[in-house]
Amino acid sequence: MRRLLVLRPEPGASATLKKAQERGLNAISIPLFEIEPVQWNVPHQGSFDGLLLTSANAVRHAGERLRDLRGLPAYAVGQATADAARDAGLDIKSIGGDGVDRLLESIDADLKLLHLCGEDRTAPGDARQRITPVIVYRAKERAADLGETSGAVIVVHSPRAARRLATLVKDRGNVCVAAISRAAAEATGYGWQSVEAAESPNDDALLALAARLCNKPDGE
């Protein structure tokens, strides 16, 4: 079985690592980034119909100012984000499990949404809603030594992580990459043994792909 490297920052890294080990995978965590809050101002709540939450990190790092937005219904991407929002006292209106674009397609087109997000965000494509982004956290690069990667499977949870991975690994011919999205897969560049995107942009689908790659012989 191939070794699996998990590169996402904490606390997501530990959550992914636990799921991978429950699948019987030989997984280790080497976070490439560290999440930290940034200063932000709370827009006037009355200007919005709801909150758009695409990462649990936005909820975890928004701080006490999030209390001022509890009157707005929240539209969350992924169960982990929804759980973090509920724990913070937010009312969950809708949960999307297949990425932000699918979530936005399923809700009212006329909504004005406040998007609490990270500094390195991917804007929703062709959203019908009026979306105002407010940055509440950033992912800071941390020193990382991936060690021997030959024969490994590496999972990337974002295009930024994929680009960083590409700068760290030069000998790629025997390394497989499992990416959470097509955008993340494209950001890895060329020369890998294989690069595949998960069927859905969530951790369960990504780990299903990683498990398949980990159980392939090195030569395939």
C-alpha atoms as a PDB file:
ATOM      1  CA  MET A   1       0.000   0.000   0.000  1.00  0.00           C
ATOM      2  CA  ARG A   2       1.229   3.472  -0.875  1.00  0.00           C
ATOM      3  CA  ARG A   3       1.796   6.043   1.843  1.00  0.00           C
ATOM      4  CA  LEU A   4      -0.683   8.954   2.010  1.00  0.00           C
ATOM      5  CA  LEU A   5       0.403  12.540   2.740  1.00  0.00           C
ATOM      6  CA  VAL A   6      -2.185  15.035   4.038  1.00  0.00           C
ATOM      7  CA  LEU A   7      -1.169  18.665   3.533  1.00  0.00           C
ATOM      8  CA  ARG A   8      -4.147  20.694   4.783  1.00  0.00           C
ATOM      9  CA  PRO A   9      -3.825  22.945   7.866  1.00  0.00           C
ATOM     10  CA  GLU A  10      -5.147  22.103  11.308  1.00  0.00           C
ATOM     11  CA  PRO A  11      -7.696  21.313  12.566  1.00  0.00           C
ATOM     12  CA  GLY A  12      -8.782  19.936   9.194  1.00  0.00           C
ATOM     13  CA  ALA A  13      -5.574  17.916   8.885  1.00  0.00           C
ATOM     14  CA  SER A  14      -6.366  15.863  11.992  1.00  0.00           C
ATOM     15  CA  ALA A  15      -9.935  15.267  10.831  1.00  0.00           C
ATOM     16  CA  THR A  16      -8.765  14.032   7.425  1.00  0.00           C
ATOM     17  CA  LEU A  17      -6.009  11.946   8.997  1.00  0.00           C
ATOM     18  CA  LYS A  18      -8.504  10.217  11.302  1.00  0.00           C
ATOM     19  CA  LYS A  19     -10.823   9.388   8.407  1.00  0.00           C
ATOM     20  CA  ALA A  20      -7.901   8.087   6.353  1.00  0.00           C
ATOM     21  CA  GLN A  21      -6.694   5.845   9.169  1.00  0.00           C
ATOM     22  CA  GLU A  22     -10.225   4.523   9.664  1.00  0.00           C
ATOM     23  CA  ARG A  23     -10.046   3.429   6.030  1.00  0.00           C
ATOM     24  CA  GLY A  24      -6.859   1.520   6.854  1.00  0.00           C
ATOM     25  CA  LEU A  25      -4.584   3.918   4.992  1.00  0.00           C
ATOM     26  CA  ASN A  26      -0.984   4.560   5.994  1.00  0.00           C
ATOM     27  CA  ALA A  27      -1.453   8.313   6.361  1.00  0.00           C
ATOM     28  CA  ILE A  28       0.635  11.092   7.867  1.00  0.00           C
ATOM     29  CA  SER A  29      -0.067  14.813   8.182  1.00  0.00           C
ATOM     30  CA  ILE A  30       2.366  17.523   7.042  1.00  0.00           C
ATOM     31  CA  PRO A  31       0.425  20.830   7.026  1.00  0.00           C
ATOM     32  CA  LEU A  32       1.738  23.390   4.544  1.00  0.00           C
ATOM     33  CA  PHE A  33      -0.206  26.291   6.062  1.00  0.00           C
ATOM     34  CA  GLU A  34      -1.336  27.649   9.400  1.00  0.00           C
ATOM     35  CA  ILE A  35      -4.709  29.383   9.727  1.00  0.00           C
ATOM     36  CA  GLU A  36      -4.796  32.724  11.513  1.00  0.00           C
ATOM     37  CA  PRO A  37      -7.537  35.356  11.993  1.00  0.00           C
ATOM     38  CA  VAL A  38      -7.435  38.827  10.475  1.00  0.00           C
ATOM     39  CA  GLN A  39      -9.090  42.022  11.642  1.00  0.00           C
ATOM     40  CA  TRP A  40     -12.441  42.677  10.002  1.00  0.00           C
ATOM     41  CA  ASN A  41     -15.432  44.942  10.385  1.00  0.00           C
ATOM     42  CA  VAL A  42     -19.030  43.771  10.616  1.00  0.00           C
ATOM     43  CA  PRO A  43     -21.116  45.201   7.763  1.00  0.00           C
ATOM     44  CA  HIS A  44     -24.595  46.451   8.525  1.00  0.00           C
ATOM     45  CA  GLN A  45     -26.652  43.307   9.075  1.00  0.00           C
ATOM     46  CA  GLY A  46     -29.761  44.824   7.521  1.00  0.00           C
ATOM     47  CA  SER A  47     -28.047  45.001   4.125  1.00  0.00           C
ATOM     48  CA  PHE A  48     -28.002  41.203   3.773  1.00  0.00           C
ATOM     49  CA  ASP A  49     -30.434  38.304   3.589  1.00  0.00           C
ATOM     50  CA  GLY A  50     -27.997  35.678   4.842  1.00  0.00           C
ATOM     51  CA  LEU A  51     -24.453  34.457   5.422  1.00  0.00           C
ATOM     52  CA  LEU A  52     -22.511  32.363   2.925  1.00  0.00           C
ATOM     53  CA  LEU A  53     -20.037  30.059   4.669  1.00  0.00           C
ATOM     54  CA  THR A  54     -17.710  27.989   2.502  1.00  0.00           C
ATOM     55  CA  SER A  55     -15.202  26.927   5.175  1.00  0.00           C
ATOM     56  CA  ALA A  56     -15.392  26.027   8.834  1.00  0.00           C
ATOM     57  CA  ASN A  57     -12.249  28.138   9.266  1.00  0.00           C
ATOM     58  CA  ALA A  58     -14.304  31.284   8.647  1.00  0.00           C
ATOM     59  CA  VAL A  59     -16.532  30.400  11.597  1.00  0.00           C
ATOM     60  CA  ARG A  60     -13.660  29.342  13.854  1.00  0.00           C
ATOM     61  CA  HIS A  61     -11.649  32.528  13.240  1.00  0.00           C
ATOM     62  CA  ALA A  62     -14.330  35.173  12.861  1.00  0.00           C
ATOM     63  CA  GLY A  63     -14.157  35.828  16.598  1.00  0.00           C
ATOM     64  CA  GLU A  64     -16.672  37.654  18.753  1.00  0.00           C
ATOM     65  CA  ARG A  65     -17.894  39.807  15.865  1.00  0.00           C
ATOM     66  CA  LEU A  66     -19.736  36.780  14.547  1.00  0.00           C
ATOM     67  CA  ARG A  67     -22.274  37.286  17.332  1.00  0.00           C
ATOM     68  CA  ASP A  68     -23.511  40.431  15.618  1.00  0.00           C
ATOM     69  CA  LEU A  69     -24.542  38.343  12.602  1.00  0.00           C
ATOM     70  CA  ARG A  70     -26.539  35.662  14.395  1.00  0.00           C
ATOM     71  CA  GLY A  71     -29.777  37.152  13.111  1.00  0.00           C
ATOM     72  CA  LEU A  72     -28.878  36.148   9.549  1.00  0.00           C
ATOM     73  CA  PRO A  73     -29.627  32.629   8.246  1.00  0.00           C
ATOM     74  CA  ALA A  74     -26.500  30.766   7.149  1.00  0.00           C
ATOM     75  CA  TYR A  75     -25.933  28.871   3.905  1.00  0.00           C
ATOM     76  CA  ALA A  76     -23.064  26.451   4.485  1.00  0.00           C
ATOM     77  CA  VAL A  77     -20.901  24.363   2.176  1.00  0.00           C
ATOM     78  CA  GLY A  78     -20.223  20.990   3.782  1.00  0.00           C
ATOM     79  CA  GLN A  79     -21.329  19.359   7.002  1.00  0.00           C
ATOM     80  CA  ALA A  80     -18.195  20.396   8.905  1.00  0.00           C
ATOM     81  CA  THR A  81     -18.885  24.044   8.102  1.00  0.00           C
ATOM     82  CA  ALA A  82     -22.526  23.670   9.102  1.00  0.00           C
ATOM     83  CA  ASP A  83     -21.569  21.989  12.401  1.00  0.00           C
ATOM     84  CA  ALA A  84     -19.111  24.778  13.233  1.00  0.00           C
ATOM     85  CA  ALA A  85     -21.770  27.383  12.422  1.00  0.00           C
ATOM     86  CA  ARG A  86     -24.342  25.710  14.665  1.00  0.00           C
ATOM     87  CA  ASP A  87     -21.813  25.522  17.486  1.00  0.00           C
ATOM     88  CA  ALA A  88     -21.305  29.281  17.057  1.00  0.00           C
ATOM     89  CA  GLY A  89     -25.031  29.899  17.473  1.00  0.00           C
ATOM     90  CA  LEU A  90     -25.904  30.464  13.807  1.00  0.00           C
ATOM     91  CA  ASP A  91     -29.153  29.290  12.229  1.00  0.00           C
ATOM     92  CA  ILE A  92     -28.462  26.992   9.267  1.00  0.00           C
ATOM     93  CA  LYS A  93     -30.835  27.578   6.385  1.00  0.00           C
ATOM     94  CA  SER A  94     -29.281  25.216   3.846  1.00  0.00           C
ATOM     95  CA  ILE A  95     -26.290  22.870   3.512  1.00  0.00           C
ATOM     96  CA  GLY A  96     -24.580  22.075   0.221  1.00  0.00           C
ATOM     97  CA  GLY A  97     -22.467  18.957  -0.026  1.00  0.00           C
ATOM     98  CA  ASP A  98     -21.179  19.371  -3.584  1.00  0.00           C
ATOM     99  CA  GLY A  99     -19.455  22.727  -3.481  1.00  0.00           C
ATOM    100  CA  VAL A 100     -20.476  26.368  -3.386  1.00  0.00           C
ATOM    101  CA  ASP A 101     -21.779  26.537  -6.953  1.00  0.00           C
ATOM    102  CA  ARG A 102     -24.261  23.720  -6.387  1.00  0.00           C
ATOM    103  CA  LEU A 103     -25.393  25.301  -3.131  1.00  0.00           C
ATOM    104  CA  LEU A 104     -26.028  28.654  -4.799  1.00  0.00           C
ATOM    105  CA  GLU A 105     -27.933  26.986  -7.616  1.00  0.00           C
ATOM    106  CA  SER A 106     -30.302  25.463  -5.063  1.00  0.00           C
ATOM    107  CA  ILE A 107     -31.286  28.655  -3.223  1.00  0.00           C
ATOM    108  CA  ASP A 108     -33.179  31.861  -4.034  1.00  0.00           C
ATOM    109  CA  ALA A 109     -31.537  33.823  -6.835  1.00  0.00           C
ATOM    110  CA  ASP A 110     -32.398  37.224  -5.348  1.00  0.00           C
ATOM    111  CA  LEU A 111     -30.569  36.839  -2.051  1.00  0.00           C
ATOM    112  CA  LYS A 112     -27.955  39.310  -0.883  1.00  0.00           C
ATOM    113  CA  LEU A 113     -25.316  37.216   0.882  1.00  0.00           C
ATOM    114  CA  LEU A 114     -22.395  38.165   3.122  1.00  0.00           C
ATOM    115  CA  HIS A 115     -19.556  35.734   2.419  1.00  0.00           C
ATOM    116  CA  LEU A 116     -17.208  35.277   5.387  1.00  0.00           C
ATOM    117  CA  CYS A 117     -14.119  33.863   3.730  1.00  0.00           C
ATOM    118  CA  GLY A 118     -10.374  33.436   3.654  1.00  0.00           C
ATOM    119  CA  GLU A 119      -7.817  35.724   2.023  1.00  0.00           C
ATOM    120  CA  ASP A 120      -7.108  33.155  -0.684  1.00  0.00           C
ATOM    121  CA  ARG A 121     -10.663  32.472  -1.799  1.00  0.00           C
ATOM    122  CA  THR A 122     -12.153  31.179  -5.016  1.00  0.00           C
ATOM    123  CA  ALA A 123     -15.096  33.316  -6.069  1.00  0.00           C
ATOM    124  CA  PRO A 124     -18.295  31.412  -6.916  1.00  0.00           C
ATOM    125  CA  GLY A 125     -18.765  31.144 -10.656  1.00  0.00           C
ATOM    126  CA  ASP A 126     -21.699  32.994 -12.267  1.00  0.00           C
ATOM    127  CA  ALA A 127     -23.658  33.266  -9.019  1.00  0.00           C
ATOM    128  CA  ARG A 128     -27.213  34.566  -9.376  1.00  0.00           C
ATOM    129  CA  GLN A 129     -27.082  36.022  -5.875  1.00  0.00           C
ATOM    130  CA  ARG A 130     -25.391  39.279  -4.908  1.00  0.00           C
ATOM    131  CA  ILE A 131     -22.388  38.176  -2.829  1.00  0.00           C
ATOM    132  CA  THR A 132     -20.227  40.485  -0.720  1.00  0.00           C
ATOM    133  CA  PRO A 133     -16.953  38.875   0.490  1.00  0.00           C
ATOM    134  CA  VAL A 134     -15.432  39.808   3.832  1.00  0.00           C
ATOM    135  CA  ILE A 135     -12.047  38.284   4.697  1.00  0.00           C
ATOM    136  CA  VAL A 136     -11.880  36.953   8.274  1.00  0.00           C
ATOM    137  CA  TYR A 137      -8.840  34.637   8.112  1.00  0.00           C
ATOM    138  CA  ARG A 138      -5.724  33.820   6.133  1.00  0.00           C
ATOM    139  CA  ALA A 139      -3.618  30.712   5.546  1.00  0.00           C
ATOM    140  CA  LYS A 140       0.026  31.508   6.322  1.00  0.00           C
ATOM    141  CA  GLU A 141       2.751  29.368   4.790  1.00  0.00           C
ATOM    142  CA  ARG A 142       4.744  27.313   7.250  1.00  0.00           C
ATOM    143  CA  ALA A 143       8.060  25.545   6.779  1.00  0.00           C
ATOM    144  CA  ALA A 144       7.455  22.001   5.630  1.00  0.00           C
ATOM    145  CA  ASP A 145       9.681  19.076   4.702  1.00  0.00           C
ATOM    146  CA  LEU A 146       7.745  16.390   2.854  1.00  0.00           C
ATOM    147  CA  GLY A 147      10.660  13.983   3.084  1.00  0.00           C
ATOM    148  CA  GLU A 148      10.755  11.071   0.645  1.00  0.00           C
ATOM    149  CA  THR A 149       7.681  11.319  -1.594  1.00  0.00           C
ATOM    150  CA  SER A 150       8.500   8.622  -4.164  1.00  0.00           C
ATOM    151  CA  GLY A 151       5.639   6.149  -4.361  1.00  0.00           C
ATOM    152  CA  ALA A 152       3.346   8.299  -2.210  1.00  0.00           C
ATOM    153  CA  VAL A 153      -0.181   9.554  -2.759  1.00  0.00           C
ATOM    154  CA  ILE A 154      -0.643  13.222  -1.809  1.00  0.00           C
ATOM    155  CA  VAL A 155      -4.013  14.847  -1.182  1.00  0.00           C
ATOM    156  CA  VAL A 156      -4.515  18.565  -1.833  1.00  0.00           C
ATOM    157  CA  HIS A 157      -7.529  20.477  -0.531  1.00  0.00           C
ATOM    158  CA  SER A 158      -7.107  23.713  -2.505  1.00  0.00           C
ATOM    159  CA  PRO A 159      -5.463  25.185  -5.602  1.00  0.00           C
ATOM    160  CA  ARG A 160      -3.063  27.119  -3.351  1.00  0.00           C
ATOM    161  CA  ALA A 161      -1.929  23.899  -1.651  1.00  0.00           C
ATOM    162  CA  ALA A 162      -1.479  22.329  -5.078  1.00  0.00           C
ATOM    163  CA  ARG A 163       0.718  25.205  -6.233  1.00  0.00           C
ATOM    164  CA  ARG A 164       2.817  24.985  -3.074  1.00  0.00           C
ATOM    165  CA  LEU A 165       3.172  21.232  -3.523  1.00  0.00           C
ATOM    166  CA  ALA A 166       4.457  21.816  -7.046  1.00  0.00           C
ATOM    167  CA  THR A 167       7.299  23.967  -5.669  1.00  0.00           C
ATOM    168  CA  LEU A 168       8.278  21.333  -3.094  1.00  0.00           C
ATOM    169  CA  VAL A 169       8.366  18.152  -5.196  1.00  0.00           C
ATOM    170  CA  LYS A 170      10.635  17.992  -8.220  1.00  0.00           C
ATOM    171  CA  ASP A 171      10.883  14.215  -8.726  1.00  0.00           C
ATOM    172  CA  ARG A 172       7.231  13.504  -9.535  1.00  0.00           C
ATOM    173  CA  GLY A 173       7.251  10.504 -11.818  1.00  0.00           C
ATOM    174  CA  ASN A 174       6.198   8.037  -9.116  1.00  0.00           C
ATOM    175  CA  VAL A 175       3.878  10.321  -7.119  1.00  0.00           C
ATOM    176  CA  CYS A 176       0.079  10.360  -7.391  1.00  0.00           C
ATOM    177  CA  VAL A 177      -2.007  13.406  -6.472  1.00  0.00           C
ATOM    178  CA  ALA A 178      -5.622  13.306  -5.323  1.00  0.00           C
ATOM    179  CA  ALA A 179      -7.243  16.755  -5.562  1.00  0.00           C
ATOM    180  CA  ILE A 180     -10.477  17.969  -4.012  1.00  0.00           C
ATOM    181  CA  SER A 181     -11.511  19.787  -7.200  1.00  0.00           C
ATOM    182  CA  ARG A 182     -10.643  20.131 -10.846  1.00  0.00           C
ATOM    183  CA  ALA A 183      -9.155  23.566 -10.134  1.00  0.00           C
ATOM    184  CA  ALA A 184      -6.866  22.065  -7.488  1.00  0.00           C
ATOM    185  CA  ALA A 185      -5.878  19.252  -9.859  1.00  0.00           C
ATOM    186  CA  GLU A 186      -4.970  21.711 -12.621  1.00  0.00           C
ATOM    187  CA  ALA A 187      -2.882  23.782 -10.201  1.00  0.00           C
ATOM    188  CA  THR A 188      -0.508  20.873  -9.504  1.00  0.00           C
ATOM    189  CA  GLY A 189       1.180  21.218 -12.886  1.00  0.00           C
ATOM    190  CA  TYR A 190       2.708  18.408 -14.913  1.00  0.00           C
ATOM    191  CA  GLY A 191       5.031  15.431 -14.545  1.00  0.00           C
ATOM    192  CA  TRP A 192       3.198  13.465 -11.835  1.00  0.00           C
ATOM    193  CA  GLN A 193       2.453   9.783 -12.230  1.00  0.00           C
ATOM    194  CA  SER A 194      -1.217  10.716 -12.050  1.00  0.00           C
ATOM    195  CA  VAL A 195      -3.412  13.617 -10.954  1.00  0.00           C
ATOM    196  CA  GLU A 196      -7.118  13.018 -10.357  1.00  0.00           C
ATOM    197  CA  ALA A 197      -9.937  15.145  -8.972  1.00  0.00           C
ATOM    198  CA  ALA A 198     -12.513  13.801  -6.528  1.00  0.00           C
ATOM    199  CA  GLU A 199     -16.008  13.157  -7.861  1.00  0.00           C
ATOM    200  CA  SER A 200     -17.384  15.729  -5.393  1.00  0.00           C
ATOM    201  CA  PRO A 201     -15.544  18.577  -3.633  1.00  0.00           C
ATOM    202  CA  ASN A 202     -15.670  17.116  -0.125  1.00  0.00           C
ATOM    203  CA  ASP A 203     -13.370  15.154   2.166  1.00  0.00           C
ATOM    204  CA  ASP A 204     -15.227  11.834   1.876  1.00  0.00           C
ATOM    205  CA  ALA A 205     -15.032  11.801  -1.918  1.00  0.00           C
ATOM    206  CA  LEU A 206     -11.397  12.904  -1.793  1.00  0.00           C
ATOM    207  CA  LEU A 207     -10.459  10.092   0.585  1.00  0.00           C
ATOM    208  CA  ALA A 208     -12.331   7.543  -1.518  1.00  0.00           C
ATOM    209  CA  LEU A 209     -10.148   8.599  -4.443  1.00  0.00           C
ATOM    210  CA  ALA A 210      -7.021   8.560  -2.255  1.00  0.00           C
ATOM    211  CA  ALA A 211      -7.819   5.047  -1.025  1.00  0.00           C
ATOM    212  CA  ARG A 212      -8.122   3.798  -4.602  1.00  0.00           C
ATOM    213  CA  LEU A 213      -4.780   5.347  -5.513  1.00  0.00           C
ATOM    214  CA  CYS A 214      -3.074   4.062  -2.374  1.00  0.00           C
ATOM    215  CA  ASN A 215      -4.083   0.503  -3.194  1.00  0.00           C
ATOM    216  CA  LYS A 216      -2.747   0.613  -6.752  1.00  0.00           C
ATOM    217  CA  PRO A 217       0.655  -0.994  -7.361  1.00  0.00           C
ATOM    218  CA  ASP A 218       3.486   1.522  -7.792  1.00  0.00           C
ATOM    219  CA  GLY A 219       3.826   0.771 -11.474  1.00  0.00           C
ATOM    220  CA  GLU A 220       0.213   1.501 -12.427  1.00  0.00           C
END
